[in-house]
Protein backbone atom coordinates (compact mmCIF):
# COMPACT_ATOMS: atom_id res chain seq x y z
CA MET A 1 -56.28 -24.87 69.50
CA LEU A 2 -56.18 -28.01 67.31
CA PHE A 3 -56.95 -25.12 64.49
CA PHE A 4 -54.60 -22.50 65.52
CA GLY A 5 -51.92 -24.75 65.73
CA VAL A 6 -52.28 -26.76 61.97
CA CYS A 7 -52.62 -22.85 60.86
CA PHE A 8 -49.32 -22.74 62.46
CA LEU A 9 -47.49 -24.98 61.56
CA LEU A 10 -48.64 -24.49 57.98
CA SER A 11 -47.84 -20.57 58.54
CA ILE A 12 -43.69 -21.51 59.38
CA LEU A 13 -43.94 -24.06 56.50
CA THR A 14 -44.72 -21.89 53.70
CA ALA A 15 -42.36 -19.69 54.60
CA PHE A 16 -39.68 -21.97 54.54
CA ALA A 17 -41.17 -23.31 51.33
CA GLN A 18 -39.84 -22.89 47.52
CA GLY A 19 -41.87 -20.68 45.27
CA GLY A 20 -42.97 -22.12 42.00
CA ASP A 21 -40.91 -20.00 40.35
CA LEU A 22 -38.49 -20.73 41.95
CA LEU A 23 -38.40 -24.07 41.35
CA ILE A 24 -39.30 -23.58 37.73
CA GLN A 25 -35.69 -21.80 37.82
CA GLN A 26 -34.01 -24.37 39.36
CA TYR A 27 -35.29 -27.77 37.60
CA ARG A 28 -37.27 -26.27 34.18
CA ARG A 29 -40.05 -28.00 35.41
CA GLY A 30 -43.48 -26.73 38.04
CA PRO A 31 -46.38 -28.94 38.83
CA GLN A 32 -48.39 -27.95 36.16
CA LEU A 33 -45.76 -27.81 33.52
CA ASP A 34 -46.63 -31.33 31.67
CA GLY A 35 -50.69 -30.73 31.56
CA LYS A 36 -50.42 -28.48 28.73
CA TYR A 37 -52.78 -29.33 25.93
CA SER A 38 -54.52 -28.55 22.60
CA LYS A 39 -57.39 -27.57 22.48
CA TRP A 40 -58.01 -28.23 18.07
CA SER A 41 -56.00 -31.52 16.75
CA PHE A 42 -55.87 -32.05 13.31
CA ARG A 43 -54.81 -35.65 12.18
CA ILE A 44 -55.30 -38.12 8.21
CA GLY A 45 -54.17 -41.56 8.11
CA PRO A 46 -54.54 -44.97 6.17
CA GLN A 47 -56.80 -47.23 7.47
CA LEU A 48 -56.79 -51.16 6.76
CA ASN A 49 -60.52 -52.19 6.54
CA ARG A 50 -61.72 -56.33 7.85
CA ILE A 51 -65.77 -56.20 7.98
CA ASN A 52 -68.33 -58.78 6.95
CA ALA A 53 -71.20 -58.84 6.54
CA ASP A 54 -74.40 -60.67 8.39
CA LEU A 55 -74.41 -63.57 6.04
CA ALA A 56 -74.17 -67.44 6.71
CA THR A 57 -71.95 -67.85 4.26
CA SER A 58 -69.70 -64.51 3.76
CA SER A 59 -65.99 -63.92 4.86
CA PRO A 60 -64.64 -60.66 5.44
CA THR A 61 -61.64 -59.69 2.53
CA LEU A 62 -58.97 -57.07 3.71
CA SER A 63 -59.33 -53.20 1.64
CA MET A 64 -58.09 -50.34 2.05
CA GLY A 65 -59.61 -46.86 3.37
CA GLY A 66 -58.38 -43.52 4.85
CA LEU A 67 -59.77 -40.63 7.09
CA LEU A 68 -59.57 -36.95 7.79
CA GLU A 69 -59.64 -36.40 12.30
CA ILE A 70 -60.13 -33.10 14.10
CA GLU A 71 -60.79 -33.22 18.37
CA TYR A 72 -61.60 -31.36 20.65
CA ARG A 73 -60.35 -31.40 23.66
CA PHE A 74 -62.12 -30.77 26.64
CA SER A 75 -59.04 -31.50 29.43
CA LYS A 76 -56.43 -32.94 28.72
CA THR A 77 -58.09 -36.29 29.49
CA VAL A 78 -61.66 -35.88 28.13
CA GLY A 79 -62.08 -35.13 24.48
CA LEU A 80 -64.41 -35.31 21.35
CA ALA A 81 -63.15 -36.97 18.38
CA ALA A 82 -65.04 -36.18 14.78
CA SER A 83 -63.82 -37.85 11.35
CA ALA A 84 -64.87 -38.17 7.98
CA GLN A 85 -63.66 -42.31 6.32
CA PHE A 86 -63.97 -43.94 3.34
CA THR A 87 -64.51 -47.54 3.80
CA PRO A 88 -64.28 -49.70 1.38
CA ILE A 89 -66.35 -52.98 2.35
CA HIS A 90 -65.50 -56.49 0.79
CA TYR A 91 -66.21 -59.93 1.41
CA ASN A 92 -66.84 -63.29 -0.30
CA PHE A 93 -69.81 -65.31 -0.65
CA LEU A 94 -71.60 -68.25 -1.70
CA GLU A 95 -74.27 -68.04 -4.65
CA GLY A 96 -75.02 -71.19 -5.37
CA ASP A 97 -72.52 -73.32 -5.82
CA SER A 98 -70.28 -70.25 -7.23
CA LEU A 99 -68.23 -67.92 -4.97
CA ALA A 100 -68.68 -63.86 -5.20
CA MET A 101 -67.30 -60.57 -3.83
CA ASP A 102 -69.53 -57.69 -2.57
CA GLN A 103 -67.60 -54.68 -3.00
CA LEU A 104 -69.28 -51.81 -1.24
CA GLN A 105 -68.13 -48.33 -0.92
CA TYR A 106 -69.11 -45.92 1.57
CA LEU A 107 -68.30 -42.65 3.35
CA SER A 108 -68.54 -43.68 7.92
CA TYR A 109 -68.38 -40.29 10.15
CA PRO A 110 -67.50 -41.65 13.58
CA LEU A 111 -68.12 -39.55 16.39
CA LEU A 112 -66.14 -40.59 19.73
CA LEU A 113 -65.76 -39.67 23.30
CA ARG A 114 -62.21 -40.45 24.11
CA LEU A 115 -61.04 -40.71 27.27
CA GLN A 116 -57.27 -41.18 27.67
CA PRO A 117 -55.93 -42.81 30.97
CA THR A 118 -52.27 -42.61 30.59
CA ALA A 119 -49.93 -40.46 28.45
CA LYS A 120 -49.50 -43.30 25.61
CA LEU A 121 -53.48 -44.82 24.93
CA SER A 122 -56.80 -43.36 24.47
CA LEU A 123 -60.02 -45.42 24.71
CA GLY A 124 -62.92 -44.07 22.21
CA LEU A 125 -66.91 -44.96 22.57
CA GLY A 126 -69.40 -43.34 20.23
CA VAL A 127 -72.03 -43.91 17.02
CA ILE A 128 -70.91 -44.29 13.53
CA TYR A 129 -72.67 -42.79 9.98
CA GLN A 130 -72.69 -44.97 7.64
CA ASP A 131 -73.23 -43.40 3.94
CA PHE A 132 -73.44 -45.59 1.19
CA LEU A 133 -71.55 -44.94 -2.32
CA LYS A 134 -71.90 -47.51 -5.00
CA GLY A 135 -71.08 -51.41 -4.92
CA ILE A 136 -71.29 -53.98 -6.85
CA LYS A 137 -71.05 -57.73 -7.28
CA ARG A 138 -68.37 -59.88 -9.20
CA MET A 139 -68.30 -63.66 -9.45
CA GLU A 140 -65.32 -64.84 -9.06
CA GLU A 141 -65.19 -68.61 -10.42
CA THR A 142 -66.12 -66.79 -14.43
CA ASP A 143 -63.30 -66.35 -17.20
CA PRO A 144 -63.61 -63.49 -17.51
CA LYS A 145 -66.00 -62.32 -13.81
CA LEU A 146 -68.84 -61.20 -14.29
CA ILE A 147 -69.61 -57.49 -13.14
CA THR A 148 -72.52 -56.22 -12.03
CA PRO A 149 -73.50 -53.52 -10.44
CA TYR A 150 -76.08 -53.02 -7.69
CA ALA A 151 -79.72 -50.86 -7.89
CA GLU A 152 -80.66 -48.30 -6.27
CA GLY A 153 -82.24 -48.22 -2.85
CA ILE A 154 -80.93 -52.48 -2.45
CA PHE A 155 -78.00 -51.22 0.37
CA LYS A 156 -78.86 -48.26 2.10
CA ASN A 157 -77.13 -45.56 4.98
CA SER A 158 -77.34 -47.12 8.49
CA LEU A 159 -76.21 -46.76 12.22
CA GLY A 160 -74.01 -48.11 14.77
CA MET A 161 -71.52 -48.44 17.31
CA LEU A 162 -67.67 -47.72 17.31
CA SER A 163 -65.63 -48.31 20.28
CA GLN A 164 -61.82 -47.41 19.76
CA VAL A 165 -57.67 -48.36 21.33
CA PHE A 166 -55.80 -45.39 20.10
CA TYR A 167 -51.49 -45.65 20.88
CA HIS A 168 -50.09 -42.48 20.89
CA PHE A 169 -46.28 -43.62 19.56
CA ASN A 170 -45.32 -39.87 19.57
CA SER A 171 -45.89 -36.78 19.53
CA ARG A 172 -47.52 -37.08 15.91
CA ILE A 173 -47.89 -40.70 15.09
CA ASN A 174 -50.70 -42.60 16.28
CA VAL A 175 -51.81 -45.90 15.73
CA PHE A 176 -55.77 -47.28 16.85
CA VAL A 177 -57.65 -50.65 16.41
CA ASN A 178 -61.70 -49.71 15.90
CA TYR A 179 -64.39 -52.26 16.74
CA ARG A 180 -67.76 -50.95 14.67
CA TRP A 181 -71.06 -52.47 13.92
CA VAL A 182 -73.54 -51.55 12.00
CA LYS A 183 -77.16 -52.06 11.34
CA ARG A 184 -80.46 -51.18 9.31
CA THR A 185 -83.66 -53.54 8.65
CA SER A 186 -83.55 -54.81 4.96
CA PRO A 187 -86.92 -56.79 3.13
CA PRO A 188 -86.84 -60.10 4.24
CA THR A 189 -86.73 -61.44 1.01
CA GLN A 190 -83.46 -59.31 -0.16
CA ALA A 191 -80.46 -61.36 -0.35
CA GLN A 192 -78.62 -58.51 0.27
CA THR A 193 -78.07 -57.11 3.93
CA ASN A 194 -77.08 -53.50 5.20
CA ASN A 195 -75.48 -55.10 8.26
CA SER A 196 -71.79 -55.56 8.73
CA ALA A 197 -69.15 -55.77 11.22
CA GLY A 198 -65.52 -55.95 11.57
CA PHE A 199 -61.99 -54.29 12.72
CA GLN A 200 -60.14 -51.58 11.82
CA LEU A 201 -56.40 -50.75 11.88
CA GLY A 202 -55.23 -47.00 11.06
CA VAL A 203 -52.62 -44.63 11.53
CA SER A 204 -52.75 -41.27 10.96
CA TYR A 205 -50.57 -38.42 11.54
CA LEU A 206 -50.73 -34.95 13.22
CA PHE A 207 -50.65 -32.23 10.63
CA PHE A 208 -51.97 -29.91 13.11
CA LYS A 209 -52.65 -28.87 15.78
CA SER A 210 -53.53 -25.18 18.16
CA ARG A 211 -51.10 -23.99 20.44
CA GLN A 212 -51.15 -25.59 23.88
CA ARG A 213 -52.42 -24.17 27.54
CA PHE A 214 -53.53 -25.41 30.36
């Protein structure tokens, strides 16, 4: 009897309820209109790096890089983001009684699982592969400054992790902060290290996205 009573009440409510099309006509909104999202998004932008080596005397300095990112959305709140980043890493360190600076250049390839719990905020976590391009050592206290290119094989490609906070400033412009760390074992007799960790602050511009869908 309870089951039949509930069915009877639901049939009465359905008969008097407004349909979805009528709601859209009256209020220009419906239960799914704000659930639209784009499957594919492409972003580009600059990135400020403050990344340090794990040397006992090293301290990081700022460097400017950039990125190109592709994001695929499984749903409105879950996506997978892959990017190619030009990542210079600069840090000072003591060599004897003198101050030196390593200036290293990498191409980084992060792969992030990105979750969007709110309309303005996304959180990401993933892996990063770092491809070494070239590097030099500058002796800062010599005049003129002594610049020595690093020989091949000292710095190598490395693998690590990356976490991200991604803020959607508006529909096109986004601001993000990364914390990343990479590691690779170096010979114990080698003064240089392949391990590094630090922060990145960037702005990305959405220059293309696919047609929105539910």
